[in-house]
Amino acid sequence: MDASPAPEDTDRAVAYLLLRLTIGASLFGHGLVRLPKLGTFHAQLMGEFKASIVPAFLVSGCGYALPFVELLTGVLLVAGALTRPAAVAGGLVMIVLVLGATSIEHFNVIGEQLLHAFALTGVVAFRSHNRYSLDRLLTDLRSREVSGR
């Protein structure tokens, strides 16, 4: 007979769920609002980085890729699917965004990017509490298949 999880374990799982959903919703929202105006977003970014030391081809590539990466990463985090790779990808995006912001001296946005990075770090560090997720559901289904239940 399976023992019920201790209340503190359930609290940690709920806290983790809230963290994962919040950071996932933020990334999803960033990507979602940028996709319909991808050309405008790209042009604005190119203009902002005109005087930057970052080569234009890198800015251009990031400008086109960023909304798709944010959207996909957000969807995966909200679903709790491929949670670790999604959070790591989100963290790498934050590194790129911090470097980009510093290159054009937009220091005012770095705090928000760092908060996202901290949240994504928490998603990776406390993944053992990822109970309410597609990852956990699939793991449970696989273990039932293997054990024949």
N, C-alpha and C. Protein backbone atom coordinates (compact mmCIF):
# COMPACT_ATOMS: atom_id res chain seq x y z
N MET A 1 0.84 -1.19 0.00
CA MET A 1 0.00 0.00 0.00
C MET A 1 0.89 1.25 0.00
N ASP A 2 0.57 2.21 -0.89
CA ASP A 2 1.35 3.45 -0.97
C ASP A 2 1.00 4.36 0.19
N ALA A 3 2.02 4.93 0.82
CA ALA A 3 1.80 5.90 1.89
C ALA A 3 1.52 7.26 1.27
N SER A 4 0.64 8.02 1.90
CA SER A 4 0.37 9.37 1.43
C SER A 4 1.59 10.24 1.68
N PRO A 5 1.86 11.18 0.79
CA PRO A 5 3.00 12.07 1.02
C PRO A 5 2.76 12.94 2.26
N ALA A 6 3.84 13.25 2.93
CA ALA A 6 3.76 14.14 4.09
C ALA A 6 3.27 15.51 3.63
N PRO A 7 2.56 16.23 4.52
CA PRO A 7 2.05 17.56 4.12
C PRO A 7 3.14 18.49 3.61
N GLU A 8 4.34 18.44 4.21
CA GLU A 8 5.41 19.34 3.74
C GLU A 8 5.88 18.96 2.33
N ASP A 9 5.80 17.65 2.00
CA ASP A 9 6.15 17.24 0.64
C ASP A 9 5.12 17.77 -0.36
N THR A 10 3.86 17.72 0.03
CA THR A 10 2.81 18.26 -0.84
C THR A 10 2.97 19.77 -0.98
N ASP A 11 3.30 20.45 0.12
CA ASP A 11 3.52 21.91 0.06
C ASP A 11 4.67 22.23 -0.89
N ARG A 12 5.75 21.47 -0.81
CA ARG A 12 6.90 21.71 -1.70
C ARG A 12 6.51 21.46 -3.16
N ALA A 13 5.71 20.43 -3.38
CA ALA A 13 5.27 20.12 -4.75
C ALA A 13 4.38 21.24 -5.29
N VAL A 14 3.51 21.78 -4.46
CA VAL A 14 2.65 22.88 -4.89
C VAL A 14 3.48 24.14 -5.12
N ALA A 15 4.42 24.42 -4.21
CA ALA A 15 5.30 25.58 -4.38
C ALA A 15 6.09 25.47 -5.68
N TYR A 16 6.60 24.28 -5.96
CA TYR A 16 7.35 24.06 -7.19
C TYR A 16 6.44 24.28 -8.40
N LEU A 17 5.23 23.74 -8.33
CA LEU A 17 4.28 23.92 -9.42
C LEU A 17 4.03 25.40 -9.69
N LEU A 18 3.83 26.17 -8.62
CA LEU A 18 3.59 27.61 -8.79
C LEU A 18 4.79 28.30 -9.43
N LEU A 19 5.99 27.94 -9.00
CA LEU A 19 7.20 28.53 -9.58
C LEU A 19 7.30 28.17 -11.06
N ARG A 20 7.14 26.88 -11.36
CA ARG A 20 7.26 26.43 -12.75
C ARG A 20 6.20 27.06 -13.64
N LEU A 21 4.96 27.14 -13.15
CA LEU A 21 3.89 27.74 -13.94
C LEU A 21 4.12 29.23 -14.16
N THR A 22 4.60 29.92 -13.14
CA THR A 22 4.81 31.37 -13.26
C THR A 22 5.91 31.70 -14.26
N ILE A 23 7.04 31.04 -14.14
CA ILE A 23 8.14 31.33 -15.08
C ILE A 23 7.77 30.85 -16.49
N GLY A 24 7.05 29.73 -16.56
CA GLY A 24 6.59 29.24 -17.86
C GLY A 24 5.62 30.20 -18.51
N ALA A 25 4.68 30.74 -17.72
CA ALA A 25 3.70 31.70 -18.25
C ALA A 25 4.39 32.97 -18.72
N SER A 26 5.40 33.41 -17.98
CA SER A 26 6.13 34.62 -18.39
C SER A 26 6.83 34.41 -19.73
N LEU A 27 7.54 33.30 -19.85
CA LEU A 27 8.24 33.04 -21.12
C LEU A 27 7.25 32.84 -22.26
N PHE A 28 6.18 32.08 -21.99
CA PHE A 28 5.15 31.86 -23.00
C PHE A 28 4.56 33.19 -23.46
N GLY A 29 4.23 34.05 -22.50
CA GLY A 29 3.64 35.35 -22.83
C GLY A 29 4.58 36.23 -23.64
N HIS A 30 5.86 36.23 -23.27
CA HIS A 30 6.83 37.01 -24.04
C HIS A 30 6.86 36.56 -25.50
N GLY A 31 6.91 35.25 -25.71
CA GLY A 31 6.95 34.73 -27.07
C GLY A 31 5.65 34.97 -27.82
N LEU A 32 4.54 34.76 -27.12
CA LEU A 32 3.22 34.87 -27.75
C LEU A 32 2.95 36.27 -28.29
N VAL A 33 3.29 37.30 -27.53
CA VAL A 33 2.99 38.66 -28.00
C VAL A 33 3.96 39.12 -29.09
N ARG A 34 5.12 38.49 -29.16
CA ARG A 34 6.10 38.91 -30.17
C ARG A 34 5.90 38.22 -31.52
N LEU A 35 5.35 37.03 -31.52
CA LEU A 35 5.21 36.29 -32.78
C LEU A 35 4.35 37.01 -33.82
N PRO A 36 3.18 37.53 -33.47
CA PRO A 36 2.38 38.20 -34.51
C PRO A 36 3.05 39.44 -35.10
N LYS A 37 3.96 40.03 -34.37
CA LYS A 37 4.65 41.22 -34.86
C LYS A 37 6.15 40.96 -34.98
N LEU A 38 6.49 39.77 -35.45
CA LEU A 38 7.89 39.34 -35.53
C LEU A 38 8.75 40.31 -36.32
N GLY A 39 8.26 40.77 -37.45
CA GLY A 39 9.03 41.71 -38.27
C GLY A 39 9.29 43.02 -37.54
N THR A 40 8.28 43.54 -36.88
CA THR A 40 8.42 44.79 -36.12
C THR A 40 9.38 44.59 -34.95
N PHE A 41 9.23 43.46 -34.24
CA PHE A 41 10.12 43.15 -33.11
C PHE A 41 11.57 43.08 -33.60
N HIS A 42 11.78 42.38 -34.71
CA HIS A 42 13.12 42.24 -35.28
C HIS A 42 13.70 43.60 -35.66
N ALA A 43 12.91 44.42 -36.33
CA ALA A 43 13.37 45.75 -36.75
C ALA A 43 13.71 46.63 -35.55
N GLN A 44 12.89 46.57 -34.52
CA GLN A 44 13.16 47.35 -33.30
C GLN A 44 14.46 46.91 -32.65
N LEU A 45 14.66 45.60 -32.56
CA LEU A 45 15.89 45.07 -31.97
C LEU A 45 17.12 45.48 -32.79
N MET A 46 17.01 45.40 -34.10
CA MET A 46 18.13 45.79 -34.96
C MET A 46 18.47 47.26 -34.75
N GLY A 47 17.44 48.10 -34.60
CA GLY A 47 17.67 49.52 -34.35
C GLY A 47 18.34 49.77 -33.01
N GLU A 48 17.88 49.07 -31.98
CA GLU A 48 18.46 49.24 -30.65
C GLU A 48 19.93 48.82 -30.60
N PHE A 49 20.28 47.82 -31.39
CA PHE A 49 21.63 47.27 -31.35
C PHE A 49 22.55 47.84 -32.43
N LYS A 50 22.08 48.87 -33.13
CA LYS A 50 22.87 49.46 -34.22
C LYS A 50 24.26 49.89 -33.75
N ALA A 51 24.36 50.49 -32.58
CA ALA A 51 25.64 50.99 -32.06
C ALA A 51 26.35 49.96 -31.16
N SER A 52 25.80 48.78 -31.07
CA SER A 52 26.35 47.75 -30.20
C SER A 52 27.60 47.11 -30.81
N ILE A 53 28.40 46.49 -29.95
CA ILE A 53 29.57 45.74 -30.44
C ILE A 53 29.16 44.35 -30.94
N VAL A 54 27.90 43.97 -30.70
CA VAL A 54 27.41 42.66 -31.14
C VAL A 54 27.20 42.71 -32.65
N PRO A 55 27.76 41.75 -33.38
CA PRO A 55 27.58 41.74 -34.84
C PRO A 55 26.10 41.66 -35.24
N ALA A 56 25.76 42.38 -36.28
CA ALA A 56 24.37 42.48 -36.72
C ALA A 56 23.76 41.12 -37.03
N PHE A 57 24.55 40.19 -37.58
CA PHE A 57 23.98 38.88 -37.92
C PHE A 57 23.56 38.11 -36.67
N LEU A 58 24.26 38.33 -35.55
CA LEU A 58 23.86 37.68 -34.30
C LEU A 58 22.58 38.31 -33.74
N VAL A 59 22.51 39.62 -33.81
CA VAL A 59 21.31 40.32 -33.35
C VAL A 59 20.12 39.88 -34.20
N SER A 60 20.32 39.80 -35.50
CA SER A 60 19.24 39.41 -36.41
C SER A 60 18.78 37.99 -36.10
N GLY A 61 19.71 37.07 -35.95
CA GLY A 61 19.34 35.68 -35.64
C GLY A 61 18.59 35.58 -34.33
N CYS A 62 19.07 36.28 -33.33
CA CYS A 62 18.39 36.28 -32.02
C CYS A 62 17.01 36.92 -32.13
N GLY A 63 16.91 37.97 -32.91
CA GLY A 63 15.63 38.65 -33.07
C GLY A 63 14.55 37.77 -33.67
N TYR A 64 14.96 36.93 -34.62
CA TYR A 64 13.99 36.02 -35.22
C TYR A 64 13.75 34.78 -34.35
N ALA A 65 14.77 34.28 -33.67
CA ALA A 65 14.65 33.04 -32.90
C ALA A 65 14.02 33.24 -31.52
N LEU A 66 14.29 34.37 -30.88
CA LEU A 66 13.89 34.59 -29.50
C LEU A 66 12.41 34.33 -29.23
N PRO A 67 11.49 34.90 -29.99
CA PRO A 67 10.07 34.65 -29.68
C PRO A 67 9.69 33.17 -29.75
N PHE A 68 10.25 32.44 -30.70
CA PHE A 68 9.95 31.01 -30.82
C PHE A 68 10.51 30.22 -29.64
N VAL A 69 11.73 30.56 -29.24
CA VAL A 69 12.36 29.87 -28.10
C VAL A 69 11.60 30.19 -26.82
N GLU A 70 11.22 31.45 -26.63
CA GLU A 70 10.45 31.82 -25.43
C GLU A 70 9.11 31.08 -25.41
N LEU A 71 8.42 31.05 -26.53
CA LEU A 71 7.12 30.39 -26.60
C LEU A 71 7.25 28.90 -26.30
N LEU A 72 8.16 28.24 -26.96
CA LEU A 72 8.33 26.80 -26.77
C LEU A 72 8.78 26.47 -25.34
N THR A 73 9.74 27.22 -24.83
CA THR A 73 10.21 27.00 -23.47
C THR A 73 9.06 27.21 -22.48
N GLY A 74 8.28 28.24 -22.70
CA GLY A 74 7.14 28.51 -21.83
C GLY A 74 6.11 27.39 -21.87
N VAL A 75 5.78 26.91 -23.05
CA VAL A 75 4.80 25.81 -23.18
C VAL A 75 5.30 24.58 -22.43
N LEU A 76 6.57 24.23 -22.63
CA LEU A 76 7.12 23.06 -21.96
C LEU A 76 7.11 23.21 -20.44
N LEU A 77 7.45 24.39 -19.95
CA LEU A 77 7.46 24.60 -18.50
C LEU A 77 6.05 24.58 -17.93
N VAL A 78 5.09 25.18 -18.60
CA VAL A 78 3.71 25.15 -18.11
C VAL A 78 3.20 23.71 -18.06
N ALA A 79 3.53 22.93 -19.06
CA ALA A 79 3.09 21.53 -19.09
C ALA A 79 3.91 20.65 -18.16
N GLY A 80 5.09 21.11 -17.79
CA GLY A 80 5.98 20.26 -17.02
C GLY A 80 6.53 19.13 -17.87
N ALA A 81 6.77 19.43 -19.12
CA ALA A 81 7.30 18.45 -20.07
C ALA A 81 8.73 18.83 -20.42
N LEU A 82 9.62 17.86 -20.36
CA LEU A 82 11.04 18.13 -20.59
C LEU A 82 11.49 19.30 -19.72
N THR A 83 11.09 19.25 -18.46
CA THR A 83 11.27 20.39 -17.56
C THR A 83 12.72 20.83 -17.45
N ARG A 84 13.62 19.88 -17.23
CA ARG A 84 15.03 20.27 -17.07
C ARG A 84 15.59 20.92 -18.33
N PRO A 85 15.47 20.26 -19.50
CA PRO A 85 16.00 20.91 -20.71
C PRO A 85 15.33 22.25 -21.01
N ALA A 86 14.04 22.37 -20.73
CA ALA A 86 13.35 23.63 -20.98
C ALA A 86 13.88 24.73 -20.06
N ALA A 87 14.09 24.40 -18.79
CA ALA A 87 14.61 25.40 -17.85
C ALA A 87 16.05 25.78 -18.19
N VAL A 88 16.85 24.81 -18.60
CA VAL A 88 18.23 25.10 -18.99
C VAL A 88 18.23 25.99 -20.24
N ALA A 89 17.37 25.67 -21.21
CA ALA A 89 17.28 26.50 -22.42
C ALA A 89 16.85 27.92 -22.04
N GLY A 90 15.89 28.04 -21.14
CA GLY A 90 15.46 29.36 -20.68
C GLY A 90 16.59 30.11 -19.99
N GLY A 91 17.39 29.39 -19.20
CA GLY A 91 18.54 30.01 -18.54
C GLY A 91 19.57 30.51 -19.54
N LEU A 92 19.80 29.73 -20.58
CA LEU A 92 20.74 30.16 -21.62
C LEU A 92 20.22 31.40 -22.35
N VAL A 93 18.92 31.45 -22.57
CA VAL A 93 18.31 32.64 -23.17
C VAL A 93 18.55 33.85 -22.28
N MET A 94 18.42 33.67 -20.97
CA MET A 94 18.64 34.79 -20.04
C MET A 94 20.08 35.28 -20.10
N ILE A 95 21.02 34.37 -20.25
CA ILE A 95 22.43 34.77 -20.39
C ILE A 95 22.61 35.63 -21.63
N VAL A 96 22.03 35.20 -22.74
CA VAL A 96 22.11 35.97 -23.99
C VAL A 96 21.47 37.34 -23.81
N LEU A 97 20.31 37.37 -23.16
CA LEU A 97 19.61 38.65 -22.96
C LEU A 97 20.40 39.59 -22.05
N VAL A 98 21.02 39.06 -21.00
CA VAL A 98 21.84 39.90 -20.11
C VAL A 98 23.03 40.46 -20.88
N LEU A 99 23.70 39.62 -21.65
CA LEU A 99 24.83 40.09 -22.44
C LEU A 99 24.40 41.14 -23.46
N GLY A 100 23.26 40.92 -24.09
CA GLY A 100 22.75 41.89 -25.05
C GLY A 100 22.41 43.21 -24.38
N ALA A 101 21.73 43.13 -23.24
CA ALA A 101 21.35 44.36 -22.54
C ALA A 101 22.57 45.15 -22.08
N THR A 102 23.58 44.45 -21.61
CA THR A 102 24.79 45.18 -21.17
C THR A 102 25.51 45.79 -22.36
N SER A 103 25.46 45.13 -23.52
CA SER A 103 26.17 45.66 -24.68
C SER A 103 25.59 46.97 -25.18
N ILE A 104 24.31 47.21 -24.88
CA ILE A 104 23.69 48.48 -25.29
C ILE A 104 23.34 49.35 -24.07
N GLU A 105 23.91 48.97 -22.96
CA GLU A 105 23.76 49.72 -21.70
C GLU A 105 22.31 49.90 -21.27
N HIS A 106 21.49 48.87 -21.49
CA HIS A 106 20.11 48.86 -21.00
C HIS A 106 20.11 48.13 -19.65
N PHE A 107 20.77 48.73 -18.68
CA PHE A 107 20.94 48.10 -17.38
C PHE A 107 19.62 47.99 -16.61
N ASN A 108 18.64 48.77 -16.99
CA ASN A 108 17.35 48.76 -16.30
C ASN A 108 16.58 47.44 -16.47
N VAL A 109 16.85 46.67 -17.51
CA VAL A 109 16.12 45.42 -17.72
C VAL A 109 16.85 44.20 -17.17
N ILE A 110 18.08 44.37 -16.78
CA ILE A 110 18.87 43.22 -16.32
C ILE A 110 18.30 42.61 -15.05
N GLY A 111 17.74 43.43 -14.17
CA GLY A 111 17.13 42.90 -12.95
C GLY A 111 16.02 41.90 -13.26
N GLU A 112 15.18 42.22 -14.23
CA GLU A 112 14.10 41.31 -14.63
C GLU A 112 14.67 40.02 -15.23
N GLN A 113 15.72 40.16 -16.02
CA GLN A 113 16.33 38.98 -16.61
C GLN A 113 16.97 38.10 -15.54
N LEU A 114 17.59 38.73 -14.54
CA LEU A 114 18.18 37.97 -13.45
C LEU A 114 17.11 37.26 -12.63
N LEU A 115 15.97 37.90 -12.41
CA LEU A 115 14.87 37.24 -11.69
C LEU A 115 14.39 36.01 -12.46
N HIS A 116 14.28 36.14 -13.77
CA HIS A 116 13.92 34.98 -14.59
C HIS A 116 14.98 33.89 -14.44
N ALA A 117 16.25 34.28 -14.48
CA ALA A 117 17.33 33.30 -14.35
C ALA A 117 17.28 32.60 -13.00
N PHE A 118 17.03 33.34 -11.93
CA PHE A 118 16.92 32.72 -10.60
C PHE A 118 15.76 31.74 -10.55
N ALA A 119 14.62 32.13 -11.11
CA ALA A 119 13.47 31.23 -11.12
C ALA A 119 13.77 29.97 -11.92
N LEU A 120 14.42 30.13 -13.06
CA LEU A 120 14.77 28.96 -13.88
C LEU A 120 15.79 28.07 -13.17
N THR A 121 16.69 28.68 -12.43
CA THR A 121 17.66 27.92 -11.63
C THR A 121 16.91 27.11 -10.57
N GLY A 122 15.91 27.72 -9.95
CA GLY A 122 15.10 27.00 -8.97
C GLY A 122 14.34 25.84 -9.58
N VAL A 123 13.86 26.02 -10.80
CA VAL A 123 13.15 24.94 -11.49
C VAL A 123 14.07 23.74 -11.68
N VAL A 124 15.33 24.00 -12.00
CA VAL A 124 16.29 22.90 -12.15
C VAL A 124 16.67 22.32 -10.79
N ALA A 125 17.00 23.19 -9.84
CA ALA A 125 17.53 22.75 -8.55
C ALA A 125 16.52 21.95 -7.73
N PHE A 126 15.25 22.27 -7.85
CA PHE A 126 14.23 21.63 -7.02
C PHE A 126 13.31 20.72 -7.82
N ARG A 127 13.84 20.21 -8.92
CA ARG A 127 13.05 19.38 -9.83
C ARG A 127 12.52 18.12 -9.18
N SER A 128 13.13 17.68 -8.09
CA SER A 128 12.62 16.49 -7.39
C SER A 128 11.21 16.73 -6.85
N HIS A 129 10.76 17.97 -6.79
CA HIS A 129 9.41 18.30 -6.33
C HIS A 129 8.43 18.48 -7.49
N ASN A 130 8.82 18.08 -8.68
CA ASN A 130 8.02 18.28 -9.89
C ASN A 130 6.93 17.20 -10.00
N ARG A 131 6.08 17.12 -8.98
CA ARG A 131 5.05 16.08 -8.91
C ARG A 131 3.91 16.31 -9.89
N TYR A 132 3.47 17.54 -10.05
CA TYR A 132 2.31 17.85 -10.87
C TYR A 132 2.78 18.30 -12.25
N SER A 133 3.13 17.31 -13.07
CA SER A 133 3.71 17.63 -14.37
C SER A 133 3.51 16.48 -15.34
N LEU A 134 3.67 16.79 -16.60
CA LEU A 134 3.63 15.76 -17.64
C LEU A 134 4.82 14.82 -17.48
N ASP A 135 5.97 15.36 -17.09
CA ASP A 135 7.15 14.51 -16.84
C ASP A 135 6.83 13.43 -15.82
N ARG A 136 6.22 13.82 -14.71
CA ARG A 136 5.90 12.86 -13.64
C ARG A 136 4.87 11.85 -14.10
N LEU A 137 3.85 12.30 -14.82
CA LEU A 137 2.82 11.41 -15.34
C LEU A 137 3.44 10.34 -16.24
N LEU A 138 4.32 10.76 -17.15
CA LEU A 138 4.95 9.80 -18.05
C LEU A 138 5.88 8.85 -17.30
N THR A 139 6.59 9.34 -16.31
CA THR A 139 7.46 8.49 -15.49
C THR A 139 6.64 7.45 -14.74
N ASP A 140 5.52 7.88 -14.17
CA ASP A 140 4.64 6.94 -13.45
C ASP A 140 4.07 5.90 -14.39
N LEU A 141 3.66 6.30 -15.58
CA LEU A 141 3.12 5.34 -16.56
C LEU A 141 4.18 4.32 -16.98
N ARG A 142 5.41 4.80 -17.20
CA ARG A 142 6.50 3.88 -17.58
C ARG A 142 6.80 2.89 -16.47
N SER A 143 6.81 3.37 -15.23
CA SER A 143 7.12 2.47 -14.12
C SER A 143 6.01 1.44 -13.92
N ARG A 144 4.76 1.82 -14.18
CA ARG A 144 3.65 0.85 -14.10
C ARG A 144 3.77 -0.21 -15.19
N GLU A 145 4.18 0.23 -16.39
CA GLU A 145 4.37 -0.74 -17.48
C GLU A 145 5.46 -1.73 -17.14
N VAL A 146 6.56 -1.23 -16.59
CA VAL A 146 7.69 -2.09 -16.26
C VAL A 146 7.32 -3.06 -15.14
N SER A 147 6.57 -2.57 -14.14
CA SER A 147 6.22 -3.43 -13.00
C SER A 147 5.01 -4.29 -13.30
N GLY A 148 4.33 -4.04 -14.42
CA GLY A 148 3.20 -4.86 -14.83
C GLY A 148 1.91 -4.56 -14.09
N ARG A 149 1.81 -3.38 -13.47
CA ARG A 149 0.57 -3.02 -12.76
C ARG A 149 -0.43 -2.39 -13.65
